[in-house]
N, C-alpha and C. Protein backbone atom coordinates (compact mmCIF):
# COMPACT_ATOMS: atom_id res chain seq x y z
N MET A 1 17.17 -13.33 -0.64
CA MET A 1 16.00 -13.96 -0.11
C MET A 1 14.72 -13.08 -0.16
N ILE A 2 13.70 -13.61 -0.74
CA ILE A 2 12.43 -12.79 -0.69
C ILE A 2 11.71 -13.08 0.50
N LYS A 3 11.15 -11.92 1.05
CA LYS A 3 10.28 -11.92 2.26
C LYS A 3 8.94 -11.36 1.88
N ARG A 4 7.86 -11.88 2.56
CA ARG A 4 6.50 -11.34 2.15
C ARG A 4 5.96 -10.76 3.44
N HIS A 5 5.26 -9.54 3.08
CA HIS A 5 4.54 -8.81 4.11
C HIS A 5 3.13 -8.64 3.63
N CYS A 6 2.13 -8.74 4.40
CA CYS A 6 0.78 -8.75 4.05
C CYS A 6 0.09 -7.54 4.98
N PHE A 7 -0.75 -6.81 4.37
CA PHE A 7 -1.31 -5.67 5.05
C PHE A 7 -2.92 -5.63 4.63
N ALA A 8 -3.69 -4.95 5.49
CA ALA A 8 -4.96 -4.61 5.13
C ALA A 8 -5.33 -3.12 5.38
N LEU A 9 -6.33 -2.77 4.61
CA LEU A 9 -6.82 -1.30 4.57
C LEU A 9 -8.22 -1.29 4.09
N ASP A 10 -8.99 -0.31 4.50
CA ASP A 10 -10.41 -0.19 3.98
C ASP A 10 -10.40 0.94 2.98
N LEU A 11 -11.31 0.90 2.05
CA LEU A 11 -11.79 2.08 1.33
C LEU A 11 -13.00 2.59 1.87
N LYS A 12 -13.22 3.79 1.55
CA LYS A 12 -14.61 4.42 1.89
C LYS A 12 -15.67 3.66 1.19
N PRO A 13 -16.79 3.26 1.83
CA PRO A 13 -17.84 2.33 1.25
C PRO A 13 -18.75 3.09 0.21
N ASP A 14 -18.16 3.58 -0.79
CA ASP A 14 -18.84 4.22 -1.87
C ASP A 14 -18.36 3.73 -3.22
N ALA A 15 -19.28 3.15 -3.96
CA ALA A 15 -19.01 2.53 -5.27
C ALA A 15 -18.31 3.41 -6.27
N GLU A 16 -18.59 4.65 -6.34
CA GLU A 16 -17.96 5.53 -7.28
C GLU A 16 -16.48 5.80 -6.89
N LEU A 17 -16.28 5.97 -5.54
CA LEU A 17 -14.98 6.27 -5.04
C LEU A 17 -14.04 5.00 -5.24
N ILE A 18 -14.66 3.81 -4.96
CA ILE A 18 -13.93 2.49 -5.16
C ILE A 18 -13.57 2.33 -6.75
N ALA A 19 -14.45 2.62 -7.50
CA ALA A 19 -14.09 2.57 -8.94
C ALA A 19 -12.97 3.46 -9.41
N GLU A 20 -13.00 4.81 -8.86
CA GLU A 20 -11.93 5.81 -9.16
C GLU A 20 -10.57 5.24 -8.63
N TYR A 21 -10.59 4.70 -7.30
CA TYR A 21 -9.38 4.06 -6.72
C TYR A 21 -8.78 3.03 -7.53
N GLU A 22 -9.67 2.08 -8.05
CA GLU A 22 -9.14 1.10 -8.89
C GLU A 22 -8.49 1.51 -10.16
N LYS A 23 -9.24 2.63 -10.79
CA LYS A 23 -8.70 3.14 -12.15
C LYS A 23 -7.35 3.66 -11.89
N TYR A 24 -7.11 4.47 -10.66
CA TYR A 24 -5.81 4.89 -10.47
C TYR A 24 -4.81 3.80 -10.34
N HIS A 25 -5.15 2.65 -9.85
CA HIS A 25 -4.33 1.55 -9.74
C HIS A 25 -4.03 0.78 -11.04
N THR A 26 -4.62 1.17 -12.12
CA THR A 26 -4.37 0.64 -13.45
C THR A 26 -3.38 1.58 -14.19
N GLU A 27 -3.19 2.74 -13.54
CA GLU A 27 -2.39 3.78 -14.08
C GLU A 27 -1.44 4.47 -13.03
N VAL A 28 -0.72 3.61 -12.29
CA VAL A 28 0.07 4.10 -11.11
C VAL A 28 1.15 5.07 -11.67
N TRP A 29 1.50 6.15 -11.02
CA TRP A 29 2.32 7.12 -11.51
C TRP A 29 3.79 6.54 -11.47
N PRO A 30 4.53 6.66 -12.52
CA PRO A 30 5.91 6.14 -12.62
C PRO A 30 6.85 6.29 -11.36
N GLU A 31 6.67 7.53 -10.95
CA GLU A 31 7.56 7.85 -9.76
C GLU A 31 7.25 6.94 -8.57
N VAL A 32 6.02 6.72 -8.39
CA VAL A 32 5.56 5.79 -7.20
C VAL A 32 6.10 4.43 -7.47
N LEU A 33 6.08 3.89 -8.74
CA LEU A 33 6.59 2.51 -9.02
C LEU A 33 8.11 2.45 -8.92
N GLU A 34 8.68 3.64 -9.27
CA GLU A 34 10.29 3.68 -9.16
C GLU A 34 10.67 3.63 -7.64
N ASN A 35 9.78 4.32 -6.86
CA ASN A 35 10.01 4.49 -5.41
C ASN A 35 10.00 3.01 -4.79
N LEU A 36 8.99 2.30 -5.16
CA LEU A 36 8.82 1.00 -4.73
C LEU A 36 10.01 0.06 -5.06
N SER A 37 10.45 0.26 -6.27
CA SER A 37 11.81 -0.55 -6.64
C SER A 37 12.89 -0.22 -5.84
N ALA A 38 13.03 1.16 -5.74
CA ALA A 38 14.26 1.71 -4.87
C ALA A 38 14.19 1.23 -3.48
N ALA A 39 13.13 0.92 -2.95
CA ALA A 39 12.93 0.51 -1.55
C ALA A 39 13.24 -1.02 -1.39
N GLY A 40 13.35 -1.66 -2.52
CA GLY A 40 13.67 -3.16 -2.39
C GLY A 40 12.45 -4.10 -2.44
N ILE A 41 11.30 -3.41 -3.03
CA ILE A 41 10.00 -4.17 -3.17
C ILE A 41 10.09 -4.81 -4.53
N GLU A 42 9.96 -6.17 -4.63
CA GLU A 42 10.16 -6.91 -5.82
C GLU A 42 8.73 -7.18 -6.42
N GLN A 43 7.78 -7.31 -5.66
CA GLN A 43 6.39 -7.40 -6.19
C GLN A 43 5.37 -6.99 -5.27
N LEU A 44 4.38 -6.27 -5.68
CA LEU A 44 3.25 -5.84 -4.74
C LEU A 44 1.93 -6.04 -5.55
N GLU A 45 1.11 -6.65 -4.83
CA GLU A 45 -0.32 -6.95 -5.23
C GLU A 45 -1.29 -6.37 -4.34
N ILE A 46 -2.35 -5.87 -4.81
CA ILE A 46 -3.44 -5.43 -3.96
C ILE A 46 -4.84 -6.13 -4.45
N TYR A 47 -5.47 -6.75 -3.45
CA TYR A 47 -6.79 -7.46 -3.77
C TYR A 47 -7.77 -6.67 -3.00
N ARG A 48 -9.07 -6.79 -3.53
CA ARG A 48 -10.15 -6.08 -2.90
C ARG A 48 -11.38 -7.04 -2.80
N VAL A 49 -12.11 -7.00 -1.70
CA VAL A 49 -13.42 -7.65 -1.45
C VAL A 49 -14.34 -6.59 -0.78
N GLU A 50 -15.34 -6.29 -1.47
CA GLU A 50 -16.19 -5.06 -1.06
C GLU A 50 -15.24 -3.82 -0.73
N ASN A 51 -15.22 -3.33 0.41
CA ASN A 51 -14.24 -2.09 0.59
C ASN A 51 -12.97 -2.41 1.29
N ARG A 52 -12.85 -3.69 1.54
CA ARG A 52 -11.52 -4.18 2.15
C ARG A 52 -10.34 -4.45 1.18
N LEU A 53 -9.28 -3.98 1.39
CA LEU A 53 -8.04 -4.14 0.62
C LEU A 53 -7.11 -5.10 1.42
N PHE A 54 -6.47 -5.98 0.59
CA PHE A 54 -5.40 -6.66 1.08
C PHE A 54 -4.20 -6.71 0.24
N MET A 55 -3.06 -6.24 0.86
CA MET A 55 -1.86 -6.05 0.01
C MET A 55 -0.82 -7.10 0.38
N ILE A 56 -0.13 -7.75 -0.72
CA ILE A 56 0.90 -8.62 -0.56
C ILE A 56 2.07 -7.88 -1.13
N MET A 57 3.14 -7.86 -0.30
CA MET A 57 4.37 -7.20 -0.69
C MET A 57 5.54 -8.11 -0.57
N GLU A 58 6.20 -8.43 -1.57
CA GLU A 58 7.37 -9.19 -1.59
C GLU A 58 8.69 -8.40 -1.79
N VAL A 59 9.59 -8.48 -0.78
CA VAL A 59 10.74 -7.65 -0.75
C VAL A 59 11.97 -8.45 -0.72
N ASN A 60 13.06 -7.73 -1.25
CA ASN A 60 14.42 -8.37 -1.17
C ASN A 60 15.19 -7.98 0.10
N ASP A 61 16.40 -8.44 0.25
CA ASP A 61 17.19 -8.22 1.44
C ASP A 61 17.56 -6.85 1.76
N SER A 62 17.50 -5.92 0.62
CA SER A 62 17.89 -4.47 0.80
C SER A 62 16.60 -3.67 1.50
N PHE A 63 15.40 -4.40 1.60
CA PHE A 63 14.27 -3.58 2.04
C PHE A 63 14.27 -3.48 3.59
N SER A 64 13.86 -2.33 4.01
CA SER A 64 13.54 -2.14 5.55
C SER A 64 12.37 -1.06 5.49
N PHE A 65 11.48 -1.16 6.54
CA PHE A 65 10.42 -0.17 6.58
C PHE A 65 11.00 1.18 6.78
N ASP A 66 12.09 1.27 7.52
CA ASP A 66 12.79 2.65 7.67
C ASP A 66 13.12 3.23 6.40
N LYS A 67 13.89 2.44 5.51
CA LYS A 67 14.23 2.80 4.15
C LYS A 67 13.11 3.40 3.40
N LYS A 68 12.19 2.41 3.43
CA LYS A 68 10.94 2.84 2.64
C LYS A 68 10.32 4.25 3.07
N LYS A 69 10.16 4.42 4.40
CA LYS A 69 9.63 5.68 4.83
C LYS A 69 10.56 6.88 4.44
N LYS A 70 11.80 6.67 4.54
CA LYS A 70 12.73 7.76 4.15
C LYS A 70 12.53 8.13 2.68
N LEU A 71 12.54 7.07 1.88
CA LEU A 71 12.33 7.43 0.48
C LEU A 71 11.04 7.99 0.10
N ASP A 72 9.96 7.49 0.82
CA ASP A 72 8.65 8.05 0.61
C ASP A 72 8.60 9.61 1.12
N ASP A 73 9.14 9.84 2.19
CA ASP A 73 9.19 11.21 2.68
C ASP A 73 9.86 12.16 1.86
N ASN A 74 10.92 11.65 1.14
CA ASN A 74 11.68 12.61 0.42
C ASN A 74 11.30 12.60 -1.11
N ASN A 75 10.14 12.05 -1.36
CA ASN A 75 9.69 11.93 -2.83
C ASN A 75 8.37 12.81 -2.85
N ASP A 76 8.36 14.00 -3.57
CA ASP A 76 7.16 14.80 -3.60
C ASP A 76 6.03 14.18 -4.22
N LYS A 77 6.29 13.33 -5.42
CA LYS A 77 5.28 12.62 -6.13
C LYS A 77 4.65 11.47 -5.28
N VAL A 78 5.53 10.94 -4.54
CA VAL A 78 4.86 9.88 -3.55
C VAL A 78 4.03 10.46 -2.64
N GLN A 79 4.39 11.56 -2.07
CA GLN A 79 3.46 12.28 -0.99
C GLN A 79 2.27 12.74 -1.75
N GLN A 80 2.31 13.21 -2.93
CA GLN A 80 1.05 13.59 -3.52
C GLN A 80 0.18 12.46 -3.83
N TRP A 81 0.77 11.26 -4.25
CA TRP A 81 -0.04 10.08 -4.40
C TRP A 81 -0.60 9.57 -3.14
N GLU A 82 0.10 9.59 -2.05
CA GLU A 82 -0.34 9.14 -0.75
C GLU A 82 -1.59 10.02 -0.34
N THR A 83 -1.39 11.35 -0.50
CA THR A 83 -2.47 12.28 -0.12
C THR A 83 -3.68 12.12 -0.98
N LEU A 84 -3.58 11.83 -2.30
CA LEU A 84 -4.71 11.49 -3.17
C LEU A 84 -5.35 10.25 -2.73
N MET A 85 -4.56 9.22 -2.41
CA MET A 85 -5.12 7.91 -2.06
C MET A 85 -5.96 8.01 -0.77
N TRP A 86 -5.63 8.95 0.19
CA TRP A 86 -6.42 9.14 1.35
C TRP A 86 -7.89 9.62 1.06
N THR A 87 -7.98 10.14 -0.18
CA THR A 87 -9.40 10.50 -0.55
C THR A 87 -10.27 9.34 -0.67
N TYR A 88 -9.76 8.20 -0.89
CA TYR A 88 -10.43 6.90 -1.12
C TYR A 88 -10.41 6.05 0.13
N GLN A 89 -9.31 6.09 0.85
CA GLN A 89 -9.04 5.09 1.89
C GLN A 89 -9.57 5.62 3.19
N GLN A 90 -9.79 4.58 4.16
CA GLN A 90 -10.12 4.82 5.50
C GLN A 90 -9.39 3.83 6.33
N ALA A 91 -8.85 4.29 7.47
CA ALA A 91 -8.10 3.53 8.27
C ALA A 91 -8.98 2.40 8.88
N LEU A 92 -8.34 1.26 9.15
CA LEU A 92 -9.16 0.24 9.96
C LEU A 92 -9.34 0.69 11.38
N PRO A 93 -10.35 0.21 12.06
CA PRO A 93 -10.54 0.59 13.37
C PRO A 93 -9.43 0.40 14.36
N SER A 94 -8.60 -0.69 14.10
CA SER A 94 -7.43 -0.92 15.00
C SER A 94 -6.19 -0.07 14.59
N ALA A 95 -6.19 0.75 13.54
CA ALA A 95 -5.00 1.45 13.11
C ALA A 95 -4.64 2.48 14.04
N LEU A 96 -3.32 2.73 14.15
CA LEU A 96 -2.88 3.88 14.88
C LEU A 96 -3.11 5.13 14.23
N PRO A 97 -3.16 6.32 14.92
CA PRO A 97 -3.37 7.61 14.21
C PRO A 97 -2.37 7.76 12.97
N GLY A 98 -3.02 8.12 11.89
CA GLY A 98 -2.23 8.33 10.62
C GLY A 98 -1.74 7.16 9.97
N GLN A 99 -2.01 5.86 10.60
CA GLN A 99 -1.56 4.66 9.90
C GLN A 99 -2.52 4.20 8.85
N LYS A 100 -2.03 3.89 7.59
CA LYS A 100 -2.83 3.37 6.50
C LYS A 100 -2.90 1.89 6.57
N TRP A 101 -1.90 1.15 5.96
CA TRP A 101 -1.91 -0.24 5.86
C TRP A 101 -1.45 -0.88 7.21
N VAL A 102 -2.36 -1.78 7.81
CA VAL A 102 -2.08 -2.42 9.07
C VAL A 102 -1.52 -3.82 8.71
N PRO A 103 -0.35 -4.22 9.35
CA PRO A 103 0.15 -5.49 8.98
C PRO A 103 -0.68 -6.54 9.44
N MET A 104 -0.75 -7.60 8.74
CA MET A 104 -1.48 -8.86 9.14
C MET A 104 -0.62 -9.84 9.52
N GLY A 105 -1.14 -10.70 10.56
CA GLY A 105 -0.33 -11.82 11.08
C GLY A 105 -0.73 -13.04 10.30
N LYS A 106 0.23 -14.02 9.95
CA LYS A 106 -0.01 -15.21 9.26
C LYS A 106 -0.53 -16.09 10.28
N ILE A 107 -1.75 -16.81 10.00
CA ILE A 107 -2.33 -17.83 10.98
C ILE A 107 -2.37 -19.25 10.34
N PHE A 108 -1.92 -19.42 9.03
CA PHE A 108 -2.10 -20.70 8.37
C PHE A 108 -1.23 -20.68 7.19
N GLN A 109 -0.55 -21.78 6.94
CA GLN A 109 0.34 -22.02 5.67
C GLN A 109 0.07 -23.55 5.33
N TYR A 110 -0.01 -23.77 4.07
CA TYR A 110 0.00 -25.19 3.60
C TYR A 110 1.11 -25.34 2.52
């Protein structure tokens, strides 16, 4: 059974940095993509309006946030990717210290 998670995050409000961030996401490192699959992520999409990002993540039954964190923590290339992405990203005001993507709550479905 596929389950969907949605998250928000901001980019630094700088057009040049935003363009660089988008370019990286046209050429995501293979190790990062492999890690997503290994975690049980079936599909992942990121949308942007101005400097706000919205991520939709569809996961299978093998996915857990703990499993994803362990895989991320033990993958040097993923750690390098995440460090690089912080160059462009900034936490939402409501984010916990060190938190990137903030889970969004569903308020409507049709």
